[in-house]
Amino acid sequence: MYKLDPTGGKLSPDDPPYAAVTPRGGPRHFDGHPNGKFVYVIQEIGLKVSAYSYDKARGVLTELQTISTLPKEFSGENDTAEIHVAPNGKFLYASNRGHDSIAEFSIDPKTGQLAFLHTFSTQGKTPRNFELDPTGSRLLVANEDTGDIFVFRLDPSDGREMLATDDSVKVPSPVSLRFVPEP
């Protein structure tokens, strides 16, 4: 973690300069909650998501919880990849490469802790990246090994309805998606 001097544009290590993660967890990506109080880190090797409280005044992350991205009955090979908090702050999504799914969690608005809801198939292999549209009503998944991008519809009010649409496109080895704001 770093402090930013906005005047000079310089970074300096914060105190403490890091937050602890599960040993050999392999932190890959993180996303912050829209309320600014929580941060979520996906562990590529550990196959888990860690929830942290964020003290903005001190720049400190404190671990709250670590939870698996996989259903209990899964025992195959897997790596995790991407993580996003829904724009409404009610849900968190995490991709599983191997299980070829997106895990969905509900977020407790007071504590920031996660509850595993379910996984849904990405309709392809190796979902390396996914992106939520700015409204939180669509989720696009880039399946690297099958060379396709699928669009899913989600209900931002309850988050439980995750439906594949007829929208998909073939793209050689897609690895990253981003929405670009209109000018």
C-alpha atoms as a PDB file:
ATOM      1  CA  MET A   1       0.000   0.000   0.000  1.00  0.00           C
ATOM      2  CA  TYR A   2       1.227   3.452  -0.864  1.00  0.00           C
ATOM      3  CA  LYS A   3       0.477   7.048   0.029  1.00  0.00           C
ATOM      4  CA  LEU A   4       0.005   9.396  -2.905  1.00  0.00           C
ATOM      5  CA  ASP A   5       1.262  12.955  -2.784  1.00  0.00           C
ATOM      6  CA  PRO A   6      -1.331  14.526  -5.118  1.00  0.00           C
ATOM      7  CA  THR A   7       0.686  17.704  -5.547  1.00  0.00           C
ATOM      8  CA  GLY A   8       3.932  16.079  -6.645  1.00  0.00           C
ATOM      9  CA  GLY A   9       2.410  12.838  -7.922  1.00  0.00           C
ATOM     10  CA  LYS A  10       4.836  10.750  -5.853  1.00  0.00           C
ATOM     11  CA  LEU A  11       4.185   7.445  -4.121  1.00  0.00           C
ATOM     12  CA  SER A  12       5.702   6.424  -0.796  1.00  0.00           C
ATOM     13  CA  PRO A  13       5.181   3.211   1.201  1.00  0.00           C
ATOM     14  CA  ASP A  14       2.356   3.414   3.716  1.00  0.00           C
ATOM     15  CA  ASP A  15       2.708   2.269   7.326  1.00  0.00           C
ATOM     16  CA  PRO A  16       2.116  -0.660   7.307  1.00  0.00           C
ATOM     17  CA  PRO A  17       3.151  -1.042   3.649  1.00  0.00           C
ATOM     18  CA  TYR A  18       1.100  -4.218   3.037  1.00  0.00           C
ATOM     19  CA  ALA A  19      -1.806  -6.335   4.246  1.00  0.00           C
ATOM     20  CA  ALA A  20      -1.292  -9.985   5.110  1.00  0.00           C
ATOM     21  CA  VAL A  21      -2.924 -12.659   2.949  1.00  0.00           C
ATOM     22  CA  THR A  22      -3.204 -16.404   3.416  1.00  0.00           C
ATOM     23  CA  PRO A  23       0.271 -17.963   3.013  1.00  0.00           C
ATOM     24  CA  ARG A  24       0.680 -19.327  -0.536  1.00  0.00           C
ATOM     25  CA  GLY A  25      -2.738 -17.867  -1.426  1.00  0.00           C
ATOM     26  CA  GLY A  26      -1.432 -16.035  -4.480  1.00  0.00           C
ATOM     27  CA  PRO A  27      -3.310 -12.714  -4.414  1.00  0.00           C
ATOM     28  CA  ARG A  28      -4.227 -11.844  -8.013  1.00  0.00           C
ATOM     29  CA  HIS A  29      -6.765  -9.009  -8.166  1.00  0.00           C
ATOM     30  CA  PHE A  30      -8.821  -6.916  -5.766  1.00  0.00           C
ATOM     31  CA  ASP A  31     -11.918  -4.757  -5.903  1.00  0.00           C
ATOM     32  CA  GLY A  32     -13.333  -2.230  -3.492  1.00  0.00           C
ATOM     33  CA  HIS A  33     -16.876  -1.934  -2.226  1.00  0.00           C
ATOM     34  CA  PRO A  34     -18.735   1.181  -3.437  1.00  0.00           C
ATOM     35  CA  ASN A  35     -19.110   2.371   0.180  1.00  0.00           C
ATOM     36  CA  GLY A  36     -15.297   2.596   0.511  1.00  0.00           C
ATOM     37  CA  LYS A  37     -15.279   0.509   3.717  1.00  0.00           C
ATOM     38  CA  PHE A  38     -14.383  -2.925   2.342  1.00  0.00           C
ATOM     39  CA  VAL A  39     -11.878  -4.485  -0.078  1.00  0.00           C
ATOM     40  CA  TYR A  40     -11.958  -8.001  -1.576  1.00  0.00           C
ATOM     41  CA  VAL A  41      -8.911  -9.952  -2.806  1.00  0.00           C
ATOM     42  CA  ILE A  42      -9.063 -13.073  -4.974  1.00  0.00           C
ATOM     43  CA  GLN A  43      -6.375 -15.700  -4.327  1.00  0.00           C
ATOM     44  CA  GLU A  44      -5.350 -17.455  -7.542  1.00  0.00           C
ATOM     45  CA  ILE A  45      -3.597 -20.387  -5.897  1.00  0.00           C
ATOM     46  CA  GLY A  46      -5.628 -20.581  -2.676  1.00  0.00           C
ATOM     47  CA  LEU A  47      -8.965 -20.583  -4.600  1.00  0.00           C
ATOM     48  CA  LYS A  48     -10.480 -18.178  -2.098  1.00  0.00           C
ATOM     49  CA  VAL A  49     -11.645 -14.608  -1.626  1.00  0.00           C
ATOM     50  CA  SER A  50     -10.533 -12.579   1.375  1.00  0.00           C
ATOM     51  CA  ALA A  51     -12.665  -9.735   2.727  1.00  0.00           C
ATOM     52  CA  TYR A  52     -10.952  -6.789   4.434  1.00  0.00           C
ATOM     53  CA  SER A  53     -12.194  -3.725   6.233  1.00  0.00           C
ATOM     54  CA  TYR A  54     -10.533  -0.554   4.964  1.00  0.00           C
ATOM     55  CA  ASP A  55      -9.557   2.295   7.266  1.00  0.00           C
ATOM     56  CA  LYS A  56      -9.238   5.173   4.800  1.00  0.00           C
ATOM     57  CA  ALA A  57      -7.749   7.604   7.328  1.00  0.00           C
ATOM     58  CA  ARG A  58      -4.879   5.248   8.159  1.00  0.00           C
ATOM     59  CA  GLY A  59      -4.716   3.318   4.857  1.00  0.00           C
ATOM     60  CA  VAL A  60      -4.979   0.001   6.706  1.00  0.00           C
ATOM     61  CA  LEU A  61      -6.649  -3.244   5.594  1.00  0.00           C
ATOM     62  CA  THR A  62      -7.816  -5.655   8.306  1.00  0.00           C
ATOM     63  CA  GLU A  63      -8.835  -9.178   7.279  1.00  0.00           C
ATOM     64  CA  LEU A  64     -12.432 -10.066   8.098  1.00  0.00           C
ATOM     65  CA  GLN A  65     -12.885 -13.416   6.391  1.00  0.00           C
ATOM     66  CA  THR A  66     -11.531 -15.833   3.780  1.00  0.00           C
ATOM     67  CA  ILE A  67     -13.985 -18.025   1.844  1.00  0.00           C
ATOM     68  CA  SER A  68     -13.748 -20.569  -1.005  1.00  0.00           C
ATOM     69  CA  THR A  69     -14.878 -19.726  -4.545  1.00  0.00           C
ATOM     70  CA  LEU A  70     -15.886 -23.343  -5.205  1.00  0.00           C
ATOM     71  CA  PRO A  71     -18.830 -25.544  -4.258  1.00  0.00           C
ATOM     72  CA  LYS A  72     -17.908 -28.027  -1.500  1.00  0.00           C
ATOM     73  CA  GLU A  73     -18.380 -31.048  -3.783  1.00  0.00           C
ATOM     74  CA  PHE A  74     -15.840 -29.885  -6.425  1.00  0.00           C
ATOM     75  CA  SER A  75     -12.478 -31.695  -6.319  1.00  0.00           C
ATOM     76  CA  GLY A  76     -10.877 -31.030  -9.747  1.00  0.00           C
ATOM     77  CA  GLU A  77      -8.100 -28.693 -10.862  1.00  0.00           C
ATOM     78  CA  ASN A  78      -8.829 -24.971 -10.610  1.00  0.00           C
ATOM     79  CA  ASP A  79      -7.306 -21.488 -10.530  1.00  0.00           C
ATOM     80  CA  THR A  80      -9.170 -18.283  -9.823  1.00  0.00           C
ATOM     81  CA  ALA A  81      -8.769 -15.158 -11.920  1.00  0.00           C
ATOM     82  CA  GLU A  82     -11.073 -12.124 -11.734  1.00  0.00           C
ATOM     83  CA  ILE A  83     -13.150 -10.438  -9.037  1.00  0.00           C
ATOM     84  CA  HIS A  84     -15.776  -7.671  -9.110  1.00  0.00           C
ATOM     85  CA  VAL A  85     -18.207  -6.105  -6.675  1.00  0.00           C
ATOM     86  CA  ALA A  86     -21.610  -5.293  -8.196  1.00  0.00           C
ATOM     87  CA  PRO A  87     -22.264  -1.561  -8.631  1.00  0.00           C
ATOM     88  CA  ASN A  88     -25.047  -1.757  -6.015  1.00  0.00           C
ATOM     89  CA  GLY A  89     -22.610  -3.278  -3.481  1.00  0.00           C
ATOM     90  CA  LYS A  90     -24.897  -6.245  -2.730  1.00  0.00           C
ATOM     91  CA  PHE A  91     -22.938  -8.976  -4.528  1.00  0.00           C
ATOM     92  CA  LEU A  92     -19.414 -10.090  -5.349  1.00  0.00           C
ATOM     93  CA  TYR A  93     -18.462 -12.259  -8.343  1.00  0.00           C
ATOM     94  CA  ALA A  94     -15.270 -14.321  -8.798  1.00  0.00           C
ATOM     95  CA  SER A  95     -14.128 -16.481 -11.726  1.00  0.00           C
ATOM     96  CA  ASN A  96     -12.952 -20.096 -11.520  1.00  0.00           C
ATOM     97  CA  ARG A  97     -10.699 -21.452 -14.294  1.00  0.00           C
ATOM     98  CA  GLY A  98     -11.027 -25.243 -14.259  1.00  0.00           C
ATOM     99  CA  HIS A  99     -14.470 -25.335 -12.711  1.00  0.00           C
ATOM    100  CA  ASP A 100     -15.282 -22.852 -15.552  1.00  0.00           C
ATOM    101  CA  SER A 101     -17.709 -20.866 -13.477  1.00  0.00           C
ATOM    102  CA  ILE A 102     -18.460 -17.576 -11.831  1.00  0.00           C
ATOM    103  CA  ALA A 103     -18.979 -17.783  -8.065  1.00  0.00           C
ATOM    104  CA  GLU A 104     -21.533 -15.410  -6.614  1.00  0.00           C
ATOM    105  CA  PHE A 105     -21.518 -14.142  -3.026  1.00  0.00           C
ATOM    106  CA  SER A 106     -23.858 -11.851  -1.137  1.00  0.00           C
ATOM    107  CA  ILE A 107     -22.200  -9.046   0.830  1.00  0.00           C
ATOM    108  CA  ASP A 108     -23.401  -8.143   4.312  1.00  0.00           C
ATOM    109  CA  PRO A 109     -23.789  -4.336   4.120  1.00  0.00           C
ATOM    110  CA  LYS A 110     -22.790  -3.807   7.773  1.00  0.00           C
ATOM    111  CA  THR A 111     -19.880  -6.211   8.195  1.00  0.00           C
ATOM    112  CA  GLY A 112     -18.630  -6.605   4.611  1.00  0.00           C
ATOM    113  CA  GLN A 113     -18.544 -10.379   5.059  1.00  0.00           C
ATOM    114  CA  LEU A 114     -19.443 -12.724   2.224  1.00  0.00           C
ATOM    115  CA  ALA A 115     -21.919 -15.590   1.991  1.00  0.00           C
ATOM    116  CA  PHE A 116     -21.422 -18.082  -0.857  1.00  0.00           C
ATOM    117  CA  LEU A 117     -24.611 -18.280  -2.945  1.00  0.00           C
ATOM    118  CA  HIS A 118     -23.794 -20.474  -5.950  1.00  0.00           C
ATOM    119  CA  THR A 119     -21.734 -20.820  -9.118  1.00  0.00           C
ATOM    120  CA  PHE A 120     -22.916 -20.642 -12.703  1.00  0.00           C
ATOM    121  CA  SER A 121     -21.287 -22.008 -15.850  1.00  0.00           C
ATOM    122  CA  THR A 122     -19.486 -19.553 -18.113  1.00  0.00           C
ATOM    123  CA  GLN A 123     -20.554 -21.599 -21.176  1.00  0.00           C
ATOM    124  CA  GLY A 124     -16.895 -22.051 -22.150  1.00  0.00           C
ATOM    125  CA  LYS A 125     -13.440 -22.957 -20.856  1.00  0.00           C
ATOM    126  CA  THR A 126     -11.040 -20.890 -18.763  1.00  0.00           C
ATOM    127  CA  PRO A 127     -12.927 -17.718 -17.794  1.00  0.00           C
ATOM    128  CA  ARG A 128      -9.847 -15.589 -17.397  1.00  0.00           C
ATOM    129  CA  ASN A 129     -11.690 -12.290 -17.210  1.00  0.00           C
ATOM    130  CA  PHE A 130     -15.207 -10.938 -16.853  1.00  0.00           C
ATOM    131  CA  GLU A 131     -16.750  -7.524 -16.524  1.00  0.00           C
ATOM    132  CA  LEU A 132     -19.988  -6.118 -15.119  1.00  0.00           C
ATOM    133  CA  ASP A 133     -21.692  -3.403 -17.123  1.00  0.00           C
ATOM    134  CA  PRO A 134     -22.025  -0.076 -15.253  1.00  0.00           C
ATOM    135  CA  THR A 135     -25.727  -0.725 -14.469  1.00  0.00           C
ATOM    136  CA  GLY A 136     -25.035  -4.137 -12.927  1.00  0.00           C
ATOM    137  CA  SER A 137     -27.569  -5.804 -15.226  1.00  0.00           C
ATOM    138  CA  ARG A 138     -25.131  -7.629 -17.531  1.00  0.00           C
ATOM    139  CA  LEU A 139     -22.028  -9.707 -16.945  1.00  0.00           C
ATOM    140  CA  LEU A 140     -19.694 -10.480 -19.864  1.00  0.00           C
ATOM    141  CA  VAL A 141     -17.287 -13.436 -19.593  1.00  0.00           C
ATOM    142  CA  ALA A 142     -14.138 -13.924 -21.686  1.00  0.00           C
ATOM    143  CA  ASN A 143     -13.447 -17.667 -21.977  1.00  0.00           C
ATOM    144  CA  GLU A 144      -9.802 -17.824 -23.051  1.00  0.00           C
ATOM    145  CA  ASP A 145      -9.479 -21.471 -24.138  1.00  0.00           C
ATOM    146  CA  THR A 146     -12.750 -21.709 -26.102  1.00  0.00           C
ATOM    147  CA  GLY A 147     -12.247 -18.281 -27.674  1.00  0.00           C
ATOM    148  CA  ASP A 148     -15.615 -16.789 -26.859  1.00  0.00           C
ATOM    149  CA  ILE A 149     -17.318 -14.025 -24.914  1.00  0.00           C
ATOM    150  CA  PHE A 150     -20.748 -14.714 -23.422  1.00  0.00           C
ATOM    151  CA  VAL A 151     -23.252 -12.204 -22.063  1.00  0.00           C
ATOM    152  CA  PHE A 152     -25.319 -13.037 -18.983  1.00  0.00           C
ATOM    153  CA  ARG A 153     -28.286 -11.108 -17.655  1.00  0.00           C
ATOM    154  CA  LEU A 154     -28.533 -10.565 -13.926  1.00  0.00           C
ATOM    155  CA  ASP A 155     -31.174  -9.101 -11.722  1.00  0.00           C
ATOM    156  CA  PRO A 156     -29.417  -6.373  -9.715  1.00  0.00           C
ATOM    157  CA  SER A 157     -32.127  -6.377  -7.040  1.00  0.00           C
ATOM    158  CA  ASP A 158     -31.739  -9.993  -5.928  1.00  0.00           C
ATOM    159  CA  GLY A 159     -28.637 -11.121  -7.843  1.00  0.00           C
ATOM    160  CA  ARG A 160     -29.847 -14.705  -7.876  1.00  0.00           C
ATOM    161  CA  GLU A 161     -31.096 -14.699 -11.450  1.00  0.00           C
ATOM    162  CA  MET A 162     -28.095 -15.260 -13.700  1.00  0.00           C
ATOM    163  CA  LEU A 163     -29.284 -16.162 -17.181  1.00  0.00           C
ATOM    164  CA  ALA A 164     -27.267 -16.776 -20.333  1.00  0.00           C
ATOM    165  CA  THR A 165     -28.492 -14.643 -23.203  1.00  0.00           C
ATOM    166  CA  ASP A 166     -28.245 -15.482 -26.885  1.00  0.00           C
ATOM    167  CA  ASP A 167     -25.467 -12.902 -27.125  1.00  0.00           C
ATOM    168  CA  SER A 168     -21.994 -14.297 -27.675  1.00  0.00           C
ATOM    169  CA  VAL A 169     -19.078 -13.670 -29.990  1.00  0.00           C
ATOM    170  CA  LYS A 170     -16.052 -15.719 -31.055  1.00  0.00           C
ATOM    171  CA  VAL A 171     -12.735 -14.015 -30.285  1.00  0.00           C
ATOM    172  CA  PRO A 172      -9.320 -15.721 -30.379  1.00  0.00           C
ATOM    173  CA  SER A 173      -8.116 -16.202 -26.772  1.00  0.00           C
ATOM    174  CA  PRO A 174      -9.894 -13.268 -25.061  1.00  0.00           C
ATOM    175  CA  VAL A 175      -8.151 -12.346 -21.814  1.00  0.00           C
ATOM    176  CA  SER A 176      -9.466  -8.910 -20.833  1.00  0.00           C
ATOM    177  CA  LEU A 177     -12.718  -6.969 -21.091  1.00  0.00           C
ATOM    178  CA  ARG A 178     -13.417  -3.322 -20.206  1.00  0.00           C
ATOM    179  CA  PHE A 179     -16.358  -1.016 -20.649  1.00  0.00           C
ATOM    180  CA  VAL A 180     -15.332   2.312 -22.091  1.00  0.00           C
ATOM    181  CA  PRO A 181     -17.434   5.287 -20.947  1.00  0.00           C
ATOM    182  CA  GLU A 182     -19.077   7.316 -23.666  1.00  0.00           C
ATOM    183  CA  PRO A 183     -17.545  10.774 -24.117  1.00  0.00           C
END
